[in-house]
Amino acid sequence: MGEEDEKQQVDKHNWGSEELSKVSDTREEKDDLKLNTDALGNLFNASAPARPKINIKKEDLQLIMNELELQEGTVRAKLIETNGDVREALRSLCGL
């Protein structure tokens, strides 16, 4: 009987620490969830880096389209890539 009494007293003392560990585990999970939510929010709210505005002349676009018989989208993309430099765009499109 002495051992059972001691065991019950030990269980009473451990009961508080067990409950405390459950509470702290729950709190840690909530903290982790909040960190993850904040990280996702920052990811979605972050604005895209501003791209520099590149002026493409319509004449340059038409020149390359007519001379190389390419589609407007292809020529426009190459002019943007070369910062509007017609000579560099022509060299790149011709493979030089």
C-alpha atoms as a PDB file:
ATOM      1  CA  MET A   1       0.000   0.000   0.000  1.00  0.00           C
ATOM      2  CA  GLY A   2       2.868   2.358   0.693  1.00  0.00           C
ATOM      3  CA  GLU A   3       4.074   2.178  -2.890  1.00  0.00           C
ATOM      4  CA  GLU A   4       0.622   2.955  -4.299  1.00  0.00           C
ATOM      5  CA  ASP A   5       0.291   6.011  -2.066  1.00  0.00           C
ATOM      6  CA  GLU A   6       3.685   7.284  -3.198  1.00  0.00           C
ATOM      7  CA  LYS A   7       2.772   6.609  -6.844  1.00  0.00           C
ATOM      8  CA  GLN A   8      -0.479   8.566  -6.502  1.00  0.00           C
ATOM      9  CA  GLN A   9       1.355  11.484  -4.891  1.00  0.00           C
ATOM     10  CA  VAL A  10       3.961  11.466  -7.675  1.00  0.00           C
ATOM     11  CA  ASP A  11       1.185  11.379 -10.292  1.00  0.00           C
ATOM     12  CA  LYS A  12      -0.471  14.377  -8.625  1.00  0.00           C
ATOM     13  CA  HIS A  13       2.790  16.289  -8.805  1.00  0.00           C
ATOM     14  CA  ASN A  14       3.439  15.282 -12.435  1.00  0.00           C
ATOM     15  CA  TRP A  15      -0.090  16.154 -13.501  1.00  0.00           C
ATOM     16  CA  GLY A  16       0.711  19.868 -13.516  1.00  0.00           C
ATOM     17  CA  SER A  17       3.892  19.446 -15.512  1.00  0.00           C
ATOM     18  CA  GLU A  18       2.146  17.219 -18.069  1.00  0.00           C
ATOM     19  CA  GLU A  19      -0.608  19.797 -18.555  1.00  0.00           C
ATOM     20  CA  LEU A  20       1.983  22.537 -18.821  1.00  0.00           C
ATOM     21  CA  SER A  21       3.866  20.657 -21.535  1.00  0.00           C
ATOM     22  CA  LYS A  22       0.608  20.194 -23.490  1.00  0.00           C
ATOM     23  CA  VAL A  23      -0.095  23.910 -23.286  1.00  0.00           C
ATOM     24  CA  SER A  24       3.435  24.858 -24.338  1.00  0.00           C
ATOM     25  CA  ASP A  25       3.300  22.429 -27.289  1.00  0.00           C
ATOM     26  CA  THR A  26       0.044  23.990 -28.448  1.00  0.00           C
ATOM     27  CA  ARG A  27       1.508  27.467 -28.060  1.00  0.00           C
ATOM     28  CA  GLU A  28       4.588  26.521 -30.117  1.00  0.00           C
ATOM     29  CA  GLU A  29       2.380  25.140 -32.903  1.00  0.00           C
ATOM     30  CA  LYS A  30       0.378  28.379 -32.966  1.00  0.00           C
ATOM     31  CA  ASP A  31       3.603  30.401 -33.112  1.00  0.00           C
ATOM     32  CA  ASP A  32       4.886  28.283 -36.018  1.00  0.00           C
ATOM     33  CA  LEU A  33       1.579  28.705 -37.834  1.00  0.00           C
ATOM     34  CA  LYS A  34       1.710  32.470 -37.339  1.00  0.00           C
ATOM     35  CA  LEU A  35       5.273  32.615 -38.690  1.00  0.00           C
ATOM     36  CA  ASN A  36       4.285  30.593 -41.742  1.00  0.00           C
ATOM     37  CA  THR A  37       1.231  32.769 -42.343  1.00  0.00           C
ATOM     38  CA  ASP A  38       3.307  35.934 -42.012  1.00  0.00           C
ATOM     39  CA  ALA A  39       5.901  34.590 -44.443  1.00  0.00           C
ATOM     40  CA  LEU A  40       3.222  33.754 -47.019  1.00  0.00           C
ATOM     41  CA  GLY A  41       1.634  37.161 -46.555  1.00  0.00           C
ATOM     42  CA  ASN A  42       4.958  38.879 -47.144  1.00  0.00           C
ATOM     43  CA  LEU A  43       5.539  36.786 -50.232  1.00  0.00           C
ATOM     44  CA  PHE A  44       2.195  37.718 -51.777  1.00  0.00           C
ATOM     45  CA  ASN A  45       2.294  41.365 -50.718  1.00  0.00           C
ATOM     46  CA  ALA A  46       5.811  42.001 -51.984  1.00  0.00           C
ATOM     47  CA  SER A  47       5.613  44.002 -55.158  1.00  0.00           C
ATOM     48  CA  ALA A  48       7.474  42.829 -58.208  1.00  0.00           C
ATOM     49  CA  PRO A  49      10.728  44.652 -58.838  1.00  0.00           C
ATOM     50  CA  ALA A  50      10.199  47.627 -61.102  1.00  0.00           C
ATOM     51  CA  ARG A  51      11.447  46.977 -64.591  1.00  0.00           C
ATOM     52  CA  PRO A  52      13.161  49.840 -66.331  1.00  0.00           C
ATOM     53  CA  LYS A  53      11.073  51.439 -69.053  1.00  0.00           C
ATOM     54  CA  ILE A  54      12.575  50.767 -72.469  1.00  0.00           C
ATOM     55  CA  ASN A  55      11.496  52.918 -75.378  1.00  0.00           C
ATOM     56  CA  ILE A  56      11.045  50.978 -78.582  1.00  0.00           C
ATOM     57  CA  LYS A  57      10.527  53.015 -81.702  1.00  0.00           C
ATOM     58  CA  LYS A  58       7.813  51.806 -84.023  1.00  0.00           C
ATOM     59  CA  GLU A  59      10.104  52.377 -87.004  1.00  0.00           C
ATOM     60  CA  ASP A  60      12.764  50.094 -85.500  1.00  0.00           C
ATOM     61  CA  LEU A  61      10.169  47.423 -84.862  1.00  0.00           C
ATOM     62  CA  GLN A  62       8.797  47.646 -88.413  1.00  0.00           C
ATOM     63  CA  LEU A  63      12.300  47.655 -89.939  1.00  0.00           C
ATOM     64  CA  ILE A  64      13.319  44.392 -88.288  1.00  0.00           C
ATOM     65  CA  MET A  65       9.921  42.786 -88.913  1.00  0.00           C
ATOM     66  CA  ASN A  66      10.069  43.613 -92.633  1.00  0.00           C
ATOM     67  CA  GLU A  67      13.740  42.781 -93.206  1.00  0.00           C
ATOM     68  CA  LEU A  68      13.854  39.493 -91.300  1.00  0.00           C
ATOM     69  CA  GLU A  69      10.173  38.566 -91.759  1.00  0.00           C
ATOM     70  CA  LEU A  70       9.669  37.903 -88.059  1.00  0.00           C
ATOM     71  CA  GLN A  71       6.607  38.256 -85.879  1.00  0.00           C
ATOM     72  CA  GLU A  72       6.102  41.400 -83.840  1.00  0.00           C
ATOM     73  CA  GLY A  73       6.314  39.573 -80.498  1.00  0.00           C
ATOM     74  CA  THR A  74       9.693  38.077 -81.329  1.00  0.00           C
ATOM     75  CA  VAL A  75      11.117  41.392 -82.499  1.00  0.00           C
ATOM     76  CA  ARG A  76       9.674  43.312 -79.549  1.00  0.00           C
ATOM     77  CA  ALA A  77      11.147  40.803 -77.067  1.00  0.00           C
ATOM     78  CA  LYS A  78      14.574  41.055 -78.702  1.00  0.00           C
ATOM     79  CA  LEU A  79      14.477  44.866 -78.689  1.00  0.00           C
ATOM     80  CA  ILE A  80      13.558  44.844 -74.999  1.00  0.00           C
ATOM     81  CA  GLU A  81      16.390  42.391 -74.329  1.00  0.00           C
ATOM     82  CA  THR A  82      18.869  44.696 -76.085  1.00  0.00           C
ATOM     83  CA  ASN A  83      17.459  47.862 -74.446  1.00  0.00           C
ATOM     84  CA  GLY A  84      16.094  49.164 -77.749  1.00  0.00           C
ATOM     85  CA  ASP A  85      19.421  48.937 -79.625  1.00  0.00           C
ATOM     86  CA  VAL A  86      18.469  48.065 -83.221  1.00  0.00           C
ATOM     87  CA  ARG A  87      21.962  47.033 -84.310  1.00  0.00           C
ATOM     88  CA  GLU A  88      22.437  44.719 -81.330  1.00  0.00           C
ATOM     89  CA  ALA A  89      18.969  43.237 -81.865  1.00  0.00           C
ATOM     90  CA  LEU A  90      19.739  42.559 -85.545  1.00  0.00           C
ATOM     91  CA  ARG A  91      23.070  40.935 -84.657  1.00  0.00           C
ATOM     92  CA  SER A  92      21.423  38.756 -82.073  1.00  0.00           C
ATOM     93  CA  LEU A  93      18.562  37.719 -84.350  1.00  0.00           C
ATOM     94  CA  CYS A  94      20.986  36.912 -87.186  1.00  0.00           C
ATOM     95  CA  GLY A  95      23.229  34.923 -84.873  1.00  0.00           C
ATOM     96  CA  LEU A  96      26.262  37.181 -85.133  1.00  0.00           C
END
